[in-house]
């Protein structure tokens, strides 16, 4: 169920954010512990007030990275302090390499030293790396405490901040140590995307395209019609992606069935990331991975050529890559540590047409042949 709140007046905040009549989209996620996702421009200036609506919190640990700290930490901190909440801070370096077991231990120690208790909370302020690390810490510290997601990237808003998947990377592969731990609140402020580097916006668009490819073909149409800079259209696209993930997660909270669709393109993508030592970003790897799996689907007679053509057209529009230099053998070997593997089988997502992706279990030994088809031009 999606609720709309239109023409809600908020007094002007001290930093100039939050004044006037605003449009808010309120999306309810019905998991074991239900929560809401609020999508509204400038809502990051009201974090304290929104948090107190869902939890009686006295102290928080804000986890962020060095880049986001300089842009948004003061705004969030001032909002929390104005609501009578004490603020502690934990800062990591930007990038996937910070989603490590070493930083997880450092964060645990910081939480203990700051005397964070079960009645307190962690706030993840940043992109997917920050959200995954902070969420995993929240799931394990004191056997579980509350946390809030404040995603500041398109990828995090539309994907990683929703659904309760938390993790850190191991040397063997990505997201291999983690837990399901739903946030108590997600606050999406599309205004933060205004400071996002162009390459990060591109990364997020890969995940947005994914939703259209797996089960929401209308997203593909909206992306073809989208003109960069159209804030209203962007807010609508973000909300559509969140709604879609909400629907999938609500029906499969612990990733035992249909939720696997959200991994479209991710099996080769994680192998690409690992092989590049994360020099190739997640969004770029997902874009390439979607092409591999869609082209393989075409060559295997599962879908028509036009599905691949539409995907390639959108990747070109948003400046995303569609190929890589890795061999099928290298990608198949990199996928052996994928968490979607069970014994000698692995779940891959094949494309049967725009908006019609399906989960297929294949032998690990067949994966290289599938990737070969996907890499052929």
Protein backbone atom coordinates (compact mmCIF):
# COMPACT_ATOMS: atom_id res chain seq x y z
CA UNK A 1 0.00 0.00 0.00
CA UNK A 2 1.34 3.44 -0.95
CA UNK A 3 0.17 6.54 0.87
CA UNK A 4 0.41 10.03 -0.60
CA UNK A 5 0.61 13.16 1.50
CA UNK A 6 0.18 16.31 -0.56
CA UNK A 7 0.54 19.95 0.47
CA UNK A 8 1.93 19.33 3.92
CA UNK A 9 3.34 22.52 5.42
CA UNK A 10 6.55 22.44 7.43
CA UNK A 11 8.05 25.56 9.02
CA UNK A 12 11.37 26.67 7.58
CA UNK A 13 14.27 24.85 9.21
CA UNK A 14 17.29 26.72 10.54
CA UNK A 15 19.40 25.68 7.55
CA UNK A 16 16.79 26.77 5.03
CA UNK A 17 15.63 23.27 4.22
CA UNK A 18 12.08 22.05 4.75
CA UNK A 19 10.09 25.22 4.04
CA UNK A 20 6.96 25.50 1.97
CA UNK A 21 4.51 22.99 0.60
CA UNK A 22 6.05 19.63 -0.11
CA UNK A 23 5.02 16.33 -1.69
CA UNK A 24 5.83 13.22 0.32
CA UNK A 25 5.52 9.62 -0.75
CA UNK A 26 5.10 7.25 2.17
CA UNK A 27 5.72 3.59 1.32
CA UNK A 28 4.92 0.90 3.87
CA UNK A 29 7.05 -2.24 3.95
CA UNK A 30 5.21 -5.16 5.54
CA UNK A 31 7.98 -7.44 6.74
CA UNK A 32 8.26 -9.19 10.12
CA UNK A 33 9.05 -5.77 11.56
CA UNK A 34 7.08 -3.31 9.40
CA UNK A 35 8.55 0.10 8.63
CA UNK A 36 8.06 3.07 6.34
CA UNK A 37 10.09 4.62 3.57
CA UNK A 38 9.58 8.35 3.16
CA UNK A 39 10.56 9.95 -0.15
CA UNK A 40 10.62 13.73 0.06
CA UNK A 41 13.02 16.43 -1.00
CA UNK A 42 14.77 18.05 2.00
CA UNK A 43 13.57 15.44 4.50
CA UNK A 44 17.19 15.03 5.64
CA UNK A 45 16.67 18.27 7.57
CA UNK A 46 13.98 16.60 9.72
CA UNK A 47 15.70 13.35 10.67
CA UNK A 48 15.32 13.87 14.43
CA UNK A 49 11.59 14.54 14.31
CA UNK A 50 10.91 11.61 11.97
CA UNK A 51 13.03 9.22 14.05
CA UNK A 52 11.20 10.08 17.27
CA UNK A 53 7.90 9.20 15.58
CA UNK A 54 9.00 5.55 15.35
CA UNK A 55 11.41 5.08 18.27
CA UNK A 56 12.21 6.62 21.66
CA UNK A 57 15.91 7.15 21.03
CA UNK A 58 18.28 9.12 23.25
CA UNK A 59 21.58 8.55 21.43
CA UNK A 60 22.60 7.59 17.89
CA UNK A 61 25.77 6.60 16.09
CA UNK A 62 25.82 8.17 12.62
CA UNK A 63 27.88 6.05 10.23
CA UNK A 64 28.97 7.88 7.10
CA UNK A 65 31.90 8.24 4.71
CA UNK A 66 34.32 11.11 4.42
CA UNK A 67 32.67 12.59 1.32
CA UNK A 68 29.11 12.51 2.65
CA UNK A 69 30.27 13.79 6.03
CA UNK A 70 31.35 17.06 4.48
CA UNK A 71 28.06 17.47 2.65
CA UNK A 72 25.26 16.32 4.95
CA UNK A 73 26.46 15.31 8.41
CA UNK A 74 26.01 18.75 9.97
CA UNK A 75 22.45 19.01 8.67
CA UNK A 76 21.53 15.61 10.08
CA UNK A 77 23.38 16.22 13.34
CA UNK A 78 21.68 19.57 13.92
CA UNK A 79 18.28 17.99 13.30
CA UNK A 80 18.99 15.22 15.80
CA UNK A 81 20.31 17.60 18.47
CA UNK A 82 17.27 19.87 17.99
CA UNK A 83 15.13 16.82 18.82
CA UNK A 84 17.11 16.14 22.02
CA UNK A 85 19.12 13.21 20.63
CA UNK A 86 22.84 12.84 21.40
CA UNK A 87 25.02 12.24 18.34
CA UNK A 88 28.16 10.12 17.92
CA UNK A 89 29.93 9.68 14.59
CA UNK A 90 31.86 6.94 12.77
CA UNK A 91 33.51 7.83 9.46
CA UNK A 92 34.94 5.50 6.83
CA UNK A 93 36.72 6.08 3.53
CA UNK A 94 34.46 6.08 0.45
CA UNK A 95 34.39 2.95 -1.68
CA UNK A 96 33.69 -0.78 -1.63
CA UNK A 97 36.97 -1.60 0.12
CA UNK A 98 35.59 0.01 3.29
CA UNK A 99 32.90 -2.69 3.54
CA UNK A 100 35.38 -4.90 5.37
CA UNK A 101 35.53 -7.06 8.46
CA UNK A 102 38.19 -4.71 9.80
CA UNK A 103 35.83 -1.72 9.68
CA UNK A 104 33.04 -3.84 11.14
CA UNK A 105 35.16 -4.59 14.20
CA UNK A 106 36.17 -0.93 14.46
CA UNK A 107 32.52 0.06 14.36
CA UNK A 108 31.58 -2.49 17.05
CA UNK A 109 34.29 -1.06 19.29
CA UNK A 110 33.14 2.51 18.62
CA UNK A 111 29.55 1.57 19.53
CA UNK A 112 30.71 0.01 22.79
CA UNK A 113 32.98 2.94 23.67
CA UNK A 114 30.14 5.38 22.94
CA UNK A 115 27.89 3.42 25.29
CA UNK A 116 25.27 2.76 22.63
CA UNK A 117 22.53 0.63 24.22
CA UNK A 118 19.60 -1.41 22.94
CA UNK A 119 17.35 1.63 23.30
CA UNK A 120 19.63 3.65 20.99
CA UNK A 121 20.13 3.44 17.22
CA UNK A 122 22.57 3.54 14.33
CA UNK A 123 21.97 5.89 11.40
CA UNK A 124 23.45 4.96 8.02
CA UNK A 125 24.08 8.21 6.15
CA UNK A 126 25.50 7.50 2.71
CA UNK A 127 25.49 5.00 -0.10
CA UNK A 128 25.28 1.24 -0.24
CA UNK A 129 28.64 0.58 1.41
CA UNK A 130 27.71 2.67 4.44
CA UNK A 131 24.23 1.15 4.61
CA UNK A 132 25.46 -2.44 4.41
CA UNK A 133 28.20 -1.95 7.01
CA UNK A 134 26.04 0.02 9.44
CA UNK A 135 23.13 -2.39 9.02
CA UNK A 136 25.29 -5.45 9.71
CA UNK A 137 26.74 -3.77 12.80
CA UNK A 138 23.20 -2.99 13.96
CA UNK A 139 22.14 -6.60 13.42
CA UNK A 140 24.94 -7.98 15.57
CA UNK A 141 25.82 -5.38 18.22
CA UNK A 142 24.11 -6.31 21.50
CA UNK A 143 22.39 -9.03 19.41
CA UNK A 144 20.53 -6.38 17.45
CA UNK A 145 19.70 -2.70 17.76
CA UNK A 146 17.58 -0.30 15.68
CA UNK A 147 18.95 1.46 12.65
CA UNK A 148 17.80 4.07 10.13
CA UNK A 149 18.77 4.26 6.48
CA UNK A 150 19.35 7.71 4.97
CA UNK A 151 20.58 6.83 1.46
CA UNK A 152 22.38 9.58 -0.43
CA UNK A 153 22.97 7.80 -3.75
CA UNK A 154 20.52 6.70 -6.42
CA UNK A 155 21.68 3.10 -6.07
CA UNK A 156 21.10 3.09 -2.31
CA UNK A 157 17.71 4.84 -2.57
CA UNK A 158 16.31 2.43 -5.12
CA UNK A 159 17.95 -0.77 -3.98
CA UNK A 160 20.30 -1.38 -1.05
CA UNK A 161 18.54 0.71 1.61
CA UNK A 162 15.32 -1.30 1.22
CA UNK A 163 14.81 -4.90 2.29
CA UNK A 164 17.08 -5.46 5.27
CA UNK A 165 20.02 -7.16 3.57
CA UNK A 166 23.22 -6.20 5.41
CA UNK A 167 26.74 -7.47 4.79
CA UNK A 168 30.47 -7.01 4.58
CA UNK A 169 32.84 -8.41 1.95
CA UNK A 170 35.39 -11.17 2.39
CA UNK A 171 38.54 -11.66 0.33
CA UNK A 172 36.87 -14.52 -1.54
CA UNK A 173 33.79 -12.56 -2.56
CA UNK A 174 31.26 -9.82 -2.01
CA UNK A 175 28.59 -9.78 0.73
CA UNK A 176 29.54 -13.25 2.02
CA UNK A 177 29.15 -12.32 5.70
CA UNK A 178 25.83 -10.71 6.52
CA UNK A 179 22.40 -10.85 8.09
CA UNK A 180 18.80 -9.89 7.44
CA UNK A 181 17.97 -6.92 9.66
CA UNK A 182 15.20 -4.54 8.67
CA UNK A 183 15.63 -0.80 9.39
CA UNK A 184 13.06 0.95 11.54
CA UNK A 185 12.86 3.82 9.04
CA UNK A 186 14.20 4.84 5.62
CA UNK A 187 14.41 8.52 4.67
CA UNK A 188 15.08 9.25 0.99
CA UNK A 189 15.94 12.84 0.15
CA UNK A 190 16.38 13.17 -3.64
CA UNK A 191 17.96 16.60 -3.09
CA UNK A 192 21.14 14.78 -2.02
CA UNK A 193 21.50 13.49 -5.57
CA UNK A 194 22.32 17.04 -6.66
CA UNK A 195 25.84 16.64 -5.24
CA UNK A 196 26.33 13.10 -6.51
CA UNK A 197 29.17 12.67 -9.02
CA UNK A 198 27.97 11.78 -12.51
CA UNK A 199 29.54 8.31 -12.37
CA UNK A 200 27.59 7.52 -9.20
CA UNK A 201 24.33 8.57 -10.83
CA UNK A 202 25.19 6.26 -13.72
CA UNK A 203 25.77 3.42 -11.26
CA UNK A 204 22.34 3.96 -9.74
CA UNK A 205 20.69 3.97 -13.15
CA UNK A 206 21.91 0.41 -13.70
CA UNK A 207 19.83 -0.79 -10.74
CA UNK A 208 16.87 1.30 -11.92
CA UNK A 209 17.06 -0.35 -15.36
CA UNK A 210 17.17 -3.73 -13.60
CA UNK A 211 13.68 -3.21 -12.13
CA UNK A 212 12.28 -2.54 -15.58
CA UNK A 213 13.95 -5.63 -17.00
CA UNK A 214 12.77 -8.03 -14.30
CA UNK A 215 9.09 -7.14 -13.77
CA UNK A 216 8.22 -3.46 -14.27
CA UNK A 217 8.39 -2.73 -18.05
CA UNK A 218 6.81 0.69 -17.50
CA UNK A 219 10.09 1.77 -15.87
CA UNK A 220 11.86 1.09 -19.17
CA UNK A 221 9.39 3.37 -20.97
CA UNK A 222 9.82 6.11 -18.34
CA UNK A 223 13.61 5.91 -18.64
CA UNK A 224 13.47 6.30 -22.40
CA UNK A 225 11.27 9.39 -21.94
CA UNK A 226 13.33 10.76 -19.03
CA UNK A 227 15.27 14.00 -19.51
CA UNK A 228 18.17 14.46 -17.06
CA UNK A 229 17.34 17.29 -14.69
CA UNK A 230 13.61 16.56 -14.53
CA UNK A 231 13.26 16.29 -10.75
CA UNK A 232 9.60 15.30 -10.75
CA UNK A 233 10.23 12.45 -13.17
CA UNK A 234 13.25 11.30 -11.18
CA UNK A 235 11.29 11.28 -7.91
CA UNK A 236 8.59 9.20 -9.61
CA UNK A 237 11.12 6.72 -10.96
CA UNK A 238 12.78 6.38 -7.54
CA UNK A 239 9.41 5.73 -5.91
CA UNK A 240 8.46 3.15 -8.54
CA UNK A 241 11.68 1.22 -7.90
CA UNK A 242 11.16 1.34 -4.13
CA UNK A 243 7.57 0.14 -4.52
CA UNK A 244 8.71 -2.74 -6.68
CA UNK A 245 11.38 -3.83 -4.23
CA UNK A 246 8.89 -3.40 -1.38
CA UNK A 247 6.52 -5.80 -3.11
CA UNK A 248 9.21 -8.40 -3.71
CA UNK A 249 10.69 -8.14 -0.21
CA UNK A 250 7.30 -8.27 1.50
CA UNK A 251 6.62 -11.56 -0.27
CA UNK A 252 10.06 -13.06 0.35
CA UNK A 253 11.78 -11.33 3.26
CA UNK A 254 14.54 -13.90 3.71
CA UNK A 255 15.45 -14.47 0.07
CA UNK A 256 14.25 -18.05 -0.31
CA UNK A 257 12.24 -17.58 -3.51
CA UNK A 258 11.11 -14.73 -5.74
CA UNK A 259 13.49 -12.20 -4.20
CA UNK A 260 16.26 -13.81 -6.24
CA UNK A 261 14.87 -11.89 -9.24
CA UNK A 262 16.53 -8.80 -7.80
CA UNK A 263 19.87 -10.46 -8.57
CA UNK A 264 19.39 -10.14 -12.33
CA UNK A 265 22.86 -9.60 -13.80
CA UNK A 266 24.48 -9.83 -10.38
CA UNK A 267 26.12 -13.26 -10.68
CA UNK A 268 28.51 -12.14 -13.44
CA UNK A 269 28.59 -8.63 -11.94
CA UNK A 270 30.01 -9.74 -8.60
CA UNK A 271 32.64 -11.79 -10.46
CA UNK A 272 33.53 -8.70 -12.51
CA UNK A 273 33.85 -6.56 -9.39
CA UNK A 274 36.00 -9.14 -7.65
CA UNK A 275 38.22 -9.65 -10.69
CA UNK A 276 38.85 -5.93 -10.97
CA UNK A 277 39.56 -5.62 -7.24
CA UNK A 278 36.48 -3.34 -7.19
CA UNK A 279 37.99 -0.90 -9.67
CA UNK A 280 34.88 -1.58 -11.76
CA UNK A 281 31.97 -0.16 -9.78
CA UNK A 282 28.90 -2.13 -8.78
CA UNK A 283 26.57 -0.29 -11.16
CA UNK A 284 28.91 -0.69 -14.13
CA UNK A 285 29.34 -4.39 -13.31
CA UNK A 286 25.57 -4.87 -13.04
CA UNK A 287 25.08 -3.17 -16.42
CA UNK A 288 27.56 -5.56 -18.03
CA UNK A 289 26.06 -8.50 -16.14
CA UNK A 290 22.55 -7.70 -17.41
CA UNK A 291 23.85 -7.63 -20.98
CA UNK A 292 25.59 -10.98 -20.50
CA UNK A 293 22.47 -12.65 -19.13
CA UNK A 294 20.10 -11.04 -21.67
CA UNK A 295 22.30 -11.88 -24.65
CA UNK A 296 22.66 -15.45 -23.34
CA UNK A 297 18.87 -15.62 -23.04
CA UNK A 298 18.48 -14.50 -26.66
CA UNK A 299 21.00 -17.06 -27.92
CA UNK A 300 19.31 -19.79 -25.90
CA UNK A 301 15.97 -18.92 -27.50
CA UNK A 302 14.37 -17.71 -24.28
CA UNK A 303 13.59 -14.16 -25.42
CA UNK A 304 13.54 -12.03 -28.55
CA UNK A 305 16.37 -9.81 -29.75
CA UNK A 306 14.40 -6.62 -29.00
CA UNK A 307 14.88 -7.13 -25.24
CA UNK A 308 18.64 -6.91 -25.69
CA UNK A 309 18.26 -3.92 -28.01
CA UNK A 310 16.19 -1.97 -25.49
CA UNK A 311 18.65 -2.75 -22.71
CA UNK A 312 21.64 -1.67 -24.79
CA UNK A 313 19.82 1.52 -25.80
CA UNK A 314 19.27 2.54 -22.18
CA UNK A 315 22.81 1.69 -21.14
CA UNK A 316 24.07 3.89 -23.97
CA UNK A 317 21.69 6.70 -22.98
CA UNK A 318 23.00 6.77 -19.42
CA UNK A 319 26.67 6.18 -20.25
CA UNK A 320 26.89 2.69 -18.79
CA UNK A 321 29.22 -0.01 -20.13
CA UNK A 322 27.93 -3.10 -21.93
CA UNK A 323 31.05 -5.27 -22.17
CA UNK A 324 34.15 -6.30 -20.27
CA UNK A 325 37.50 -7.92 -21.06
CA UNK A 326 37.05 -10.94 -18.79
CA UNK A 327 36.64 -14.40 -20.26
CA UNK A 328 33.70 -16.67 -19.55
CA UNK A 329 36.02 -18.99 -17.64
CA UNK A 330 37.26 -16.16 -15.40
CA UNK A 331 33.72 -15.02 -14.65
CA UNK A 332 32.54 -18.56 -13.94
CA UNK A 333 35.42 -19.11 -11.53
CA UNK A 334 34.67 -15.80 -9.83
CA UNK A 335 31.04 -16.85 -9.38
CA UNK A 336 31.95 -20.05 -7.51
CA UNK A 337 31.94 -18.13 -4.23
CA UNK A 338 28.57 -16.52 -5.00
CA UNK A 339 26.11 -16.78 -2.11
CA UNK A 340 23.41 -17.91 -4.57
CA UNK A 341 25.27 -21.19 -5.07
CA UNK A 342 23.93 -24.34 -3.40
CA UNK A 343 26.24 -27.33 -3.72
CA UNK A 344 26.78 -27.97 -7.42
CA UNK A 345 23.92 -25.71 -8.57
CA UNK A 346 23.54 -21.95 -8.75
CA UNK A 347 20.52 -19.70 -9.34
CA UNK A 348 20.81 -17.39 -12.33
CA UNK A 349 18.21 -14.94 -13.63
CA UNK A 350 17.37 -15.31 -17.31
CA UNK A 351 15.41 -12.84 -19.42
CA UNK A 352 12.24 -14.01 -21.18
CA UNK A 353 11.22 -10.54 -22.38
CA UNK A 354 11.14 -6.97 -21.06
CA UNK A 355 9.61 -7.19 -17.60
CA UNK A 356 9.73 -10.99 -17.56
CA UNK A 357 12.82 -12.32 -15.80
CA UNK A 358 12.80 -15.82 -14.30
CA UNK A 359 14.86 -17.76 -11.79
CA UNK A 360 16.68 -20.74 -13.26
CA UNK A 361 18.77 -23.26 -11.37
CA UNK A 362 21.71 -24.54 -13.40
CA UNK A 363 24.69 -26.75 -12.75
CA UNK A 364 27.79 -24.82 -11.79
CA UNK A 365 29.53 -26.66 -14.62
CA UNK A 366 27.10 -25.05 -17.11
CA UNK A 367 27.76 -21.49 -15.96
CA UNK A 368 30.81 -20.98 -18.17
CA UNK A 369 28.80 -21.97 -21.28
CA UNK A 370 26.04 -19.50 -20.37
CA UNK A 371 28.58 -16.73 -19.90
CA UNK A 372 30.22 -17.65 -23.23
CA UNK A 373 26.89 -17.10 -24.99
CA UNK A 374 26.46 -13.81 -23.14
CA UNK A 375 29.89 -12.53 -24.12
CA UNK A 376 29.57 -13.37 -27.81
CA UNK A 377 28.81 -10.41 -30.06
